[in-house]
Amino acid sequence: MKVMHVTDVAQRDACLARLCAEHYGQSAGLTPLVVFAGTRRVLFAEEAARLLALVDAQGVPQALALLVLDEAGEGMTLRLACRLGDDDEPKRRLIAELALKAPLRVDAIDAEQEAFYQSCGISRWFGGEQGGRIGLAASHPATQLAALAATIKIDEQQVLRRFKHDAKAFEAEKQRFVEGLEAFPAALT
């Protein structure tokens, strides 16, 4: 197993569509499409995000993750992650590899998520908003909560407004999302 940075635009878009679909599920309404469109059009365009995959020896993707830079350009937040099978181990291995190599930040919404991220090697924890917890990998430069820079975000409401007022843009993004799902690669190169 190895971690791959997916740079080919067609493969990246297909992996992003699959990641959004897997992460949010089928009952999430427009959220997967909004995150897909915003990530492609803003975060990838500004080189503020990276899509990574854990692949087996044949290049078959086992897990996917989206990392987004913080506003200071010093850390990366795990924005989305998913496994591509029934086992959580590939997702855990991918996040563990990223925690070893990147100045990674994770946001845990409950004790179960925090325990999962701890099993991935995230060892420094701070109290976050609404009872959440913020975990940092060893190589993250922040030493206290106040030193954390905000993660670069897409304005999901702006994307929704654009969809509402521009039917052609909505249809084009929806088509791109569906085509990405259909073109998900059997193996990454």
C-alpha atoms as a PDB file:
ATOM      1  CA  MET A   1       0.000   0.000   0.000  1.00  0.00           C
ATOM      2  CA  LYS A   2       1.174   3.514  -0.759  1.00  0.00           C
ATOM      3  CA  VAL A   3      -0.172   7.049  -0.631  1.00  0.00           C
ATOM      4  CA  MET A   4      -0.620   8.842  -3.952  1.00  0.00           C
ATOM      5  CA  HIS A   5      -1.236  12.523  -4.604  1.00  0.00           C
ATOM      6  CA  VAL A   6      -3.856  12.489  -7.369  1.00  0.00           C
ATOM      7  CA  THR A   7      -2.797  15.220  -9.791  1.00  0.00           C
ATOM      8  CA  ASP A   8      -4.324  14.151 -13.117  1.00  0.00           C
ATOM      9  CA  VAL A   9      -7.348  16.458 -13.429  1.00  0.00           C
ATOM     10  CA  ALA A  10      -9.776  13.825 -14.758  1.00  0.00           C
ATOM     11  CA  GLN A  11      -8.760  11.271 -12.111  1.00  0.00           C
ATOM     12  CA  ARG A  12      -8.794  13.941  -9.405  1.00  0.00           C
ATOM     13  CA  ASP A  13     -12.319  15.035 -10.332  1.00  0.00           C
ATOM     14  CA  ALA A  14     -13.508  11.409 -10.407  1.00  0.00           C
ATOM     15  CA  CYS A  15     -11.918  10.725  -7.017  1.00  0.00           C
ATOM     16  CA  LEU A  16     -13.369  13.936  -5.579  1.00  0.00           C
ATOM     17  CA  ALA A  17     -16.865  13.010  -6.803  1.00  0.00           C
ATOM     18  CA  ARG A  18     -16.539   9.564  -5.215  1.00  0.00           C
ATOM     19  CA  LEU A  19     -15.123  11.022  -1.989  1.00  0.00           C
ATOM     20  CA  CYS A  20     -18.004  13.513  -1.682  1.00  0.00           C
ATOM     21  CA  ALA A  21     -20.577  10.812  -2.448  1.00  0.00           C
ATOM     22  CA  GLU A  22     -19.062   8.361   0.059  1.00  0.00           C
ATOM     23  CA  HIS A  23     -18.475  10.934   2.800  1.00  0.00           C
ATOM     24  CA  TYR A  24     -21.906  12.572   2.708  1.00  0.00           C
ATOM     25  CA  GLY A  25     -24.047   9.636   1.562  1.00  0.00           C
ATOM     26  CA  GLN A  26     -27.168   9.643  -0.549  1.00  0.00           C
ATOM     27  CA  SER A  27     -29.417  11.484   1.903  1.00  0.00           C
ATOM     28  CA  ALA A  28     -27.270  14.638   2.005  1.00  0.00           C
ATOM     29  CA  GLY A  29     -29.216  16.613  -0.595  1.00  0.00           C
ATOM     30  CA  LEU A  30     -27.061  19.027  -2.592  1.00  0.00           C
ATOM     31  CA  THR A  31     -24.141  19.047  -0.124  1.00  0.00           C
ATOM     32  CA  PRO A  32     -21.941  16.553  -2.038  1.00  0.00           C
ATOM     33  CA  LEU A  33     -22.437  18.511  -5.280  1.00  0.00           C
ATOM     34  CA  VAL A  34     -21.818  21.875  -3.583  1.00  0.00           C
ATOM     35  CA  VAL A  35     -18.588  20.655  -1.944  1.00  0.00           C
ATOM     36  CA  PHE A  36     -17.489  19.020  -5.217  1.00  0.00           C
ATOM     37  CA  ALA A  37     -18.101  22.196  -7.239  1.00  0.00           C
ATOM     38  CA  GLY A  38     -16.586  24.554  -4.676  1.00  0.00           C
ATOM     39  CA  THR A  39     -13.517  22.396  -4.152  1.00  0.00           C
ATOM     40  CA  ARG A  40     -12.893  22.091  -7.890  1.00  0.00           C
ATOM     41  CA  ARG A  41     -13.573  25.709  -8.776  1.00  0.00           C
ATOM     42  CA  VAL A  42     -11.939  27.372  -5.757  1.00  0.00           C
ATOM     43  CA  LEU A  43      -9.652  25.168  -3.677  1.00  0.00           C
ATOM     44  CA  PHE A  44      -8.052  23.224  -6.540  1.00  0.00           C
ATOM     45  CA  ALA A  45      -7.875  26.329  -8.732  1.00  0.00           C
ATOM     46  CA  GLU A  46      -6.021  28.203  -5.961  1.00  0.00           C
ATOM     47  CA  GLU A  47      -3.865  25.140  -5.160  1.00  0.00           C
ATOM     48  CA  ALA A  48      -5.261  25.208  -1.614  1.00  0.00           C
ATOM     49  CA  ALA A  49      -6.302  21.548  -1.553  1.00  0.00           C
ATOM     50  CA  ARG A  50      -4.782  18.140  -2.262  1.00  0.00           C
ATOM     51  CA  LEU A  51      -6.571  14.899  -3.019  1.00  0.00           C
ATOM     52  CA  LEU A  52      -4.751  11.799  -1.790  1.00  0.00           C
ATOM     53  CA  ALA A  53      -5.441   8.108  -2.181  1.00  0.00           C
ATOM     54  CA  LEU A  54      -4.176   4.963  -0.511  1.00  0.00           C
ATOM     55  CA  VAL A  55      -3.639   2.432  -3.307  1.00  0.00           C
ATOM     56  CA  ASP A  56      -2.649  -1.215  -3.297  1.00  0.00           C
ATOM     57  CA  ALA A  57       0.222  -2.713  -5.329  1.00  0.00           C
ATOM     58  CA  GLN A  58      -1.916  -2.642  -8.501  1.00  0.00           C
ATOM     59  CA  GLY A  59      -2.898   1.006  -7.999  1.00  0.00           C
ATOM     60  CA  VAL A  60      -6.459   0.171  -6.921  1.00  0.00           C
ATOM     61  CA  PRO A  61      -7.744   2.928  -4.589  1.00  0.00           C
ATOM     62  CA  GLN A  62      -8.585   1.737  -1.070  1.00  0.00           C
ATOM     63  CA  ALA A  63      -9.246   5.083   0.672  1.00  0.00           C
ATOM     64  CA  LEU A  64      -9.437   8.772  -0.256  1.00  0.00           C
ATOM     65  CA  ALA A  65      -8.720  12.009   1.620  1.00  0.00           C
ATOM     66  CA  LEU A  66      -8.990  15.725   0.894  1.00  0.00           C
ATOM     67  CA  LEU A  67      -6.517  18.018   2.648  1.00  0.00           C
ATOM     68  CA  VAL A  68      -7.066  21.787   2.688  1.00  0.00           C
ATOM     69  CA  LEU A  69      -4.428  24.389   3.590  1.00  0.00           C
ATOM     70  CA  ASP A  70      -4.888  26.797   6.445  1.00  0.00           C
ATOM     71  CA  GLU A  71      -4.855  30.550   5.814  1.00  0.00           C
ATOM     72  CA  ALA A  72      -1.240  30.849   7.000  1.00  0.00           C
ATOM     73  CA  GLY A  73      -0.105  28.116   4.589  1.00  0.00           C
ATOM     74  CA  GLU A  74       1.530  26.211   7.459  1.00  0.00           C
ATOM     75  CA  GLY A  75      -0.928  23.410   8.204  1.00  0.00           C
ATOM     76  CA  MET A  76      -3.382  21.175   6.401  1.00  0.00           C
ATOM     77  CA  THR A  77      -6.819  20.134   7.612  1.00  0.00           C
ATOM     78  CA  LEU A  78      -8.318  16.762   6.819  1.00  0.00           C
ATOM     79  CA  ARG A  79     -11.557  18.025   5.245  1.00  0.00           C
ATOM     80  CA  LEU A  80     -12.989  14.720   3.952  1.00  0.00           C
ATOM     81  CA  ALA A  81     -11.938  11.075   4.114  1.00  0.00           C
ATOM     82  CA  CYS A  82     -13.537   7.765   3.184  1.00  0.00           C
ATOM     83  CA  ARG A  83     -12.831   4.103   2.811  1.00  0.00           C
ATOM     84  CA  LEU A  84     -13.736   2.403  -0.461  1.00  0.00           C
ATOM     85  CA  GLY A  85     -14.645  -0.974   0.970  1.00  0.00           C
ATOM     86  CA  ASP A  86     -16.164  -2.457   4.090  1.00  0.00           C
ATOM     87  CA  ASP A  87     -13.041  -2.168   6.223  1.00  0.00           C
ATOM     88  CA  ASP A  88     -11.941   1.012   8.066  1.00  0.00           C
ATOM     89  CA  GLU A  89      -8.288  -0.079   8.027  1.00  0.00           C
ATOM     90  CA  PRO A  90      -7.358   1.550   4.667  1.00  0.00           C
ATOM     91  CA  LYS A  91      -8.819   4.879   5.828  1.00  0.00           C
ATOM     92  CA  ARG A  92      -6.931   4.572   9.129  1.00  0.00           C
ATOM     93  CA  ARG A  93      -3.688   3.742   7.291  1.00  0.00           C
ATOM     94  CA  LEU A  94      -4.115   6.691   4.915  1.00  0.00           C
ATOM     95  CA  ILE A  95      -4.715   9.162   7.738  1.00  0.00           C
ATOM     96  CA  ALA A  96      -1.839   7.646   9.753  1.00  0.00           C
ATOM     97  CA  GLU A  97       0.532   8.130   6.786  1.00  0.00           C
ATOM     98  CA  LEU A  98      -0.657  11.708   6.349  1.00  0.00           C
ATOM     99  CA  ALA A  99      -0.189  12.354  10.073  1.00  0.00           C
ATOM    100  CA  LEU A 100       3.421  11.184   9.771  1.00  0.00           C
ATOM    101  CA  LYS A 101       4.254  13.300   6.726  1.00  0.00           C
ATOM    102  CA  ALA A 102       2.042  16.405   6.858  1.00  0.00           C
ATOM    103  CA  PRO A 103       1.338  19.184   9.375  1.00  0.00           C
ATOM    104  CA  LEU A 104      -2.112  17.658   9.764  1.00  0.00           C
ATOM    105  CA  ARG A 105      -5.121  18.966  11.662  1.00  0.00           C
ATOM    106  CA  VAL A 106      -8.241  16.893  12.255  1.00  0.00           C
ATOM    107  CA  ASP A 107     -11.586  17.907  13.753  1.00  0.00           C
ATOM    108  CA  ALA A 108     -13.381  15.259  15.823  1.00  0.00           C
ATOM    109  CA  ILE A 109     -17.065  15.742  16.549  1.00  0.00           C
ATOM    110  CA  ASP A 110     -17.277  13.049  19.229  1.00  0.00           C
ATOM    111  CA  ALA A 111     -15.219  10.690  21.401  1.00  0.00           C
ATOM    112  CA  GLU A 112     -15.470   7.878  18.838  1.00  0.00           C
ATOM    113  CA  GLN A 113     -13.932  10.046  16.103  1.00  0.00           C
ATOM    114  CA  GLU A 114     -11.245  11.268  18.483  1.00  0.00           C
ATOM    115  CA  ALA A 115     -10.338   7.673  19.370  1.00  0.00           C
ATOM    116  CA  PHE A 116     -10.155   6.807  15.657  1.00  0.00           C
ATOM    117  CA  TYR A 117      -7.819   9.727  14.955  1.00  0.00           C
ATOM    118  CA  GLN A 118      -5.713   8.831  18.004  1.00  0.00           C
ATOM    119  CA  SER A 119      -5.289   5.357  16.483  1.00  0.00           C
ATOM    120  CA  CYS A 120      -3.964   7.175  13.388  1.00  0.00           C
ATOM    121  CA  GLY A 121      -1.213   8.831  15.435  1.00  0.00           C
ATOM    122  CA  ILE A 122      -2.833  12.182  16.200  1.00  0.00           C
ATOM    123  CA  SER A 123      -1.574  12.850  19.710  1.00  0.00           C
ATOM    124  CA  ARG A 124      -2.054  16.549  20.548  1.00  0.00           C
ATOM    125  CA  TRP A 125      -5.629  17.612  21.311  1.00  0.00           C
ATOM    126  CA  PHE A 126      -7.406  20.868  22.074  1.00  0.00           C
ATOM    127  CA  GLY A 127     -11.017  21.660  22.940  1.00  0.00           C
ATOM    128  CA  GLY A 128     -12.896  22.973  19.929  1.00  0.00           C
ATOM    129  CA  GLU A 129     -16.253  24.627  19.344  1.00  0.00           C
ATOM    130  CA  GLN A 130     -19.516  22.995  20.439  1.00  0.00           C
ATOM    131  CA  GLY A 131     -17.726  20.249  22.372  1.00  0.00           C
ATOM    132  CA  GLY A 132     -15.652  19.143  19.382  1.00  0.00           C
ATOM    133  CA  ARG A 133     -11.960  18.382  19.592  1.00  0.00           C
ATOM    134  CA  ILE A 134      -9.083  19.517  17.383  1.00  0.00           C
ATOM    135  CA  GLY A 135      -6.186  17.134  16.899  1.00  0.00           C
ATOM    136  CA  LEU A 136      -2.743  17.958  15.523  1.00  0.00           C
ATOM    137  CA  ALA A 137      -0.065  15.715  14.098  1.00  0.00           C
ATOM    138  CA  ALA A 138       3.424  15.961  15.546  1.00  0.00           C
ATOM    139  CA  SER A 139       4.702  18.057  12.626  1.00  0.00           C
ATOM    140  CA  HIS A 140       1.964  20.706  12.897  1.00  0.00           C
ATOM    141  CA  PRO A 141       3.640  23.993  13.943  1.00  0.00           C
ATOM    142  CA  ALA A 142       0.901  25.207  16.337  1.00  0.00           C
ATOM    143  CA  THR A 143       1.641  24.702  20.021  1.00  0.00           C
ATOM    144  CA  GLN A 144      -1.624  26.100  21.352  1.00  0.00           C
ATOM    145  CA  LEU A 145      -5.181  26.542  20.163  1.00  0.00           C
ATOM    146  CA  ALA A 146      -4.805  30.305  19.707  1.00  0.00           C
ATOM    147  CA  ALA A 147      -1.939  29.711  17.255  1.00  0.00           C
ATOM    148  CA  LEU A 148      -4.097  27.712  14.832  1.00  0.00           C
ATOM    149  CA  ALA A 149      -4.821  29.505  11.581  1.00  0.00           C
ATOM    150  CA  ALA A 150      -8.285  29.058  10.106  1.00  0.00           C
ATOM    151  CA  THR A 151      -8.692  26.505   7.336  1.00  0.00           C
ATOM    152  CA  ILE A 152      -9.406  27.932   3.878  1.00  0.00           C
ATOM    153  CA  LYS A 153     -13.079  27.327   3.145  1.00  0.00           C
ATOM    154  CA  ILE A 154     -15.426  27.475   0.242  1.00  0.00           C
ATOM    155  CA  ASP A 155     -18.517  29.615   0.596  1.00  0.00           C
ATOM    156  CA  GLU A 156     -21.152  26.903   0.243  1.00  0.00           C
ATOM    157  CA  GLN A 157     -23.983  29.463   0.342  1.00  0.00           C
ATOM    158  CA  GLN A 158     -22.433  31.319  -2.589  1.00  0.00           C
ATOM    159  CA  VAL A 159     -22.219  28.064  -4.564  1.00  0.00           C
ATOM    160  CA  LEU A 160     -25.885  27.359  -3.784  1.00  0.00           C
ATOM    161  CA  ARG A 161     -26.900  30.882  -4.872  1.00  0.00           C
ATOM    162  CA  ARG A 162     -25.003  30.415  -8.114  1.00  0.00           C
ATOM    163  CA  PHE A 163     -26.812  27.127  -8.711  1.00  0.00           C
ATOM    164  CA  LYS A 164     -30.157  28.771  -7.963  1.00  0.00           C
ATOM    165  CA  HIS A 165     -29.600  31.696 -10.323  1.00  0.00           C
ATOM    166  CA  ASP A 166     -27.678  29.928 -13.096  1.00  0.00           C
ATOM    167  CA  ALA A 167     -29.430  26.743 -14.211  1.00  0.00           C
ATOM    168  CA  LYS A 168     -26.761  26.050 -16.846  1.00  0.00           C
ATOM    169  CA  ALA A 169     -23.981  26.174 -14.249  1.00  0.00           C
ATOM    170  CA  PHE A 170     -25.984  23.851 -11.973  1.00  0.00           C
ATOM    171  CA  GLU A 171     -26.591  21.351 -14.790  1.00  0.00           C
ATOM    172  CA  ALA A 172     -22.929  21.503 -15.875  1.00  0.00           C
ATOM    173  CA  GLU A 173     -21.656  20.809 -12.344  1.00  0.00           C
ATOM    174  CA  LYS A 174     -24.221  18.063 -11.821  1.00  0.00           C
ATOM    175  CA  GLN A 175     -23.173  16.452 -15.100  1.00  0.00           C
ATOM    176  CA  ARG A 176     -19.475  16.744 -14.169  1.00  0.00           C
ATOM    177  CA  PHE A 177     -20.224  15.124 -10.775  1.00  0.00           C
ATOM    178  CA  VAL A 178     -22.158  12.217 -12.337  1.00  0.00           C
ATOM    179  CA  GLU A 179     -19.491  11.729 -15.012  1.00  0.00           C
ATOM    180  CA  GLY A 180     -16.840  11.721 -12.280  1.00  0.00           C
ATOM    181  CA  LEU A 181     -18.683   8.995 -10.391  1.00  0.00           C
ATOM    182  CA  GLU A 182     -19.027   6.950 -13.566  1.00  0.00           C
ATOM    183  CA  ALA A 183     -15.361   7.455 -14.481  1.00  0.00           C
ATOM    184  CA  PHE A 184     -13.956   6.514 -11.086  1.00  0.00           C
ATOM    185  CA  PRO A 185     -10.716   4.754 -12.010  1.00  0.00           C
ATOM    186  CA  ALA A 186     -10.225   1.047 -11.304  1.00  0.00           C
ATOM    187  CA  ALA A 187      -6.566   1.948 -10.767  1.00  0.00           C
ATOM    188  CA  LEU A 188      -4.687   5.225 -10.324  1.00  0.00           C
ATOM    189  CA  THR A 189      -1.561   5.996 -12.310  1.00  0.00           C
END
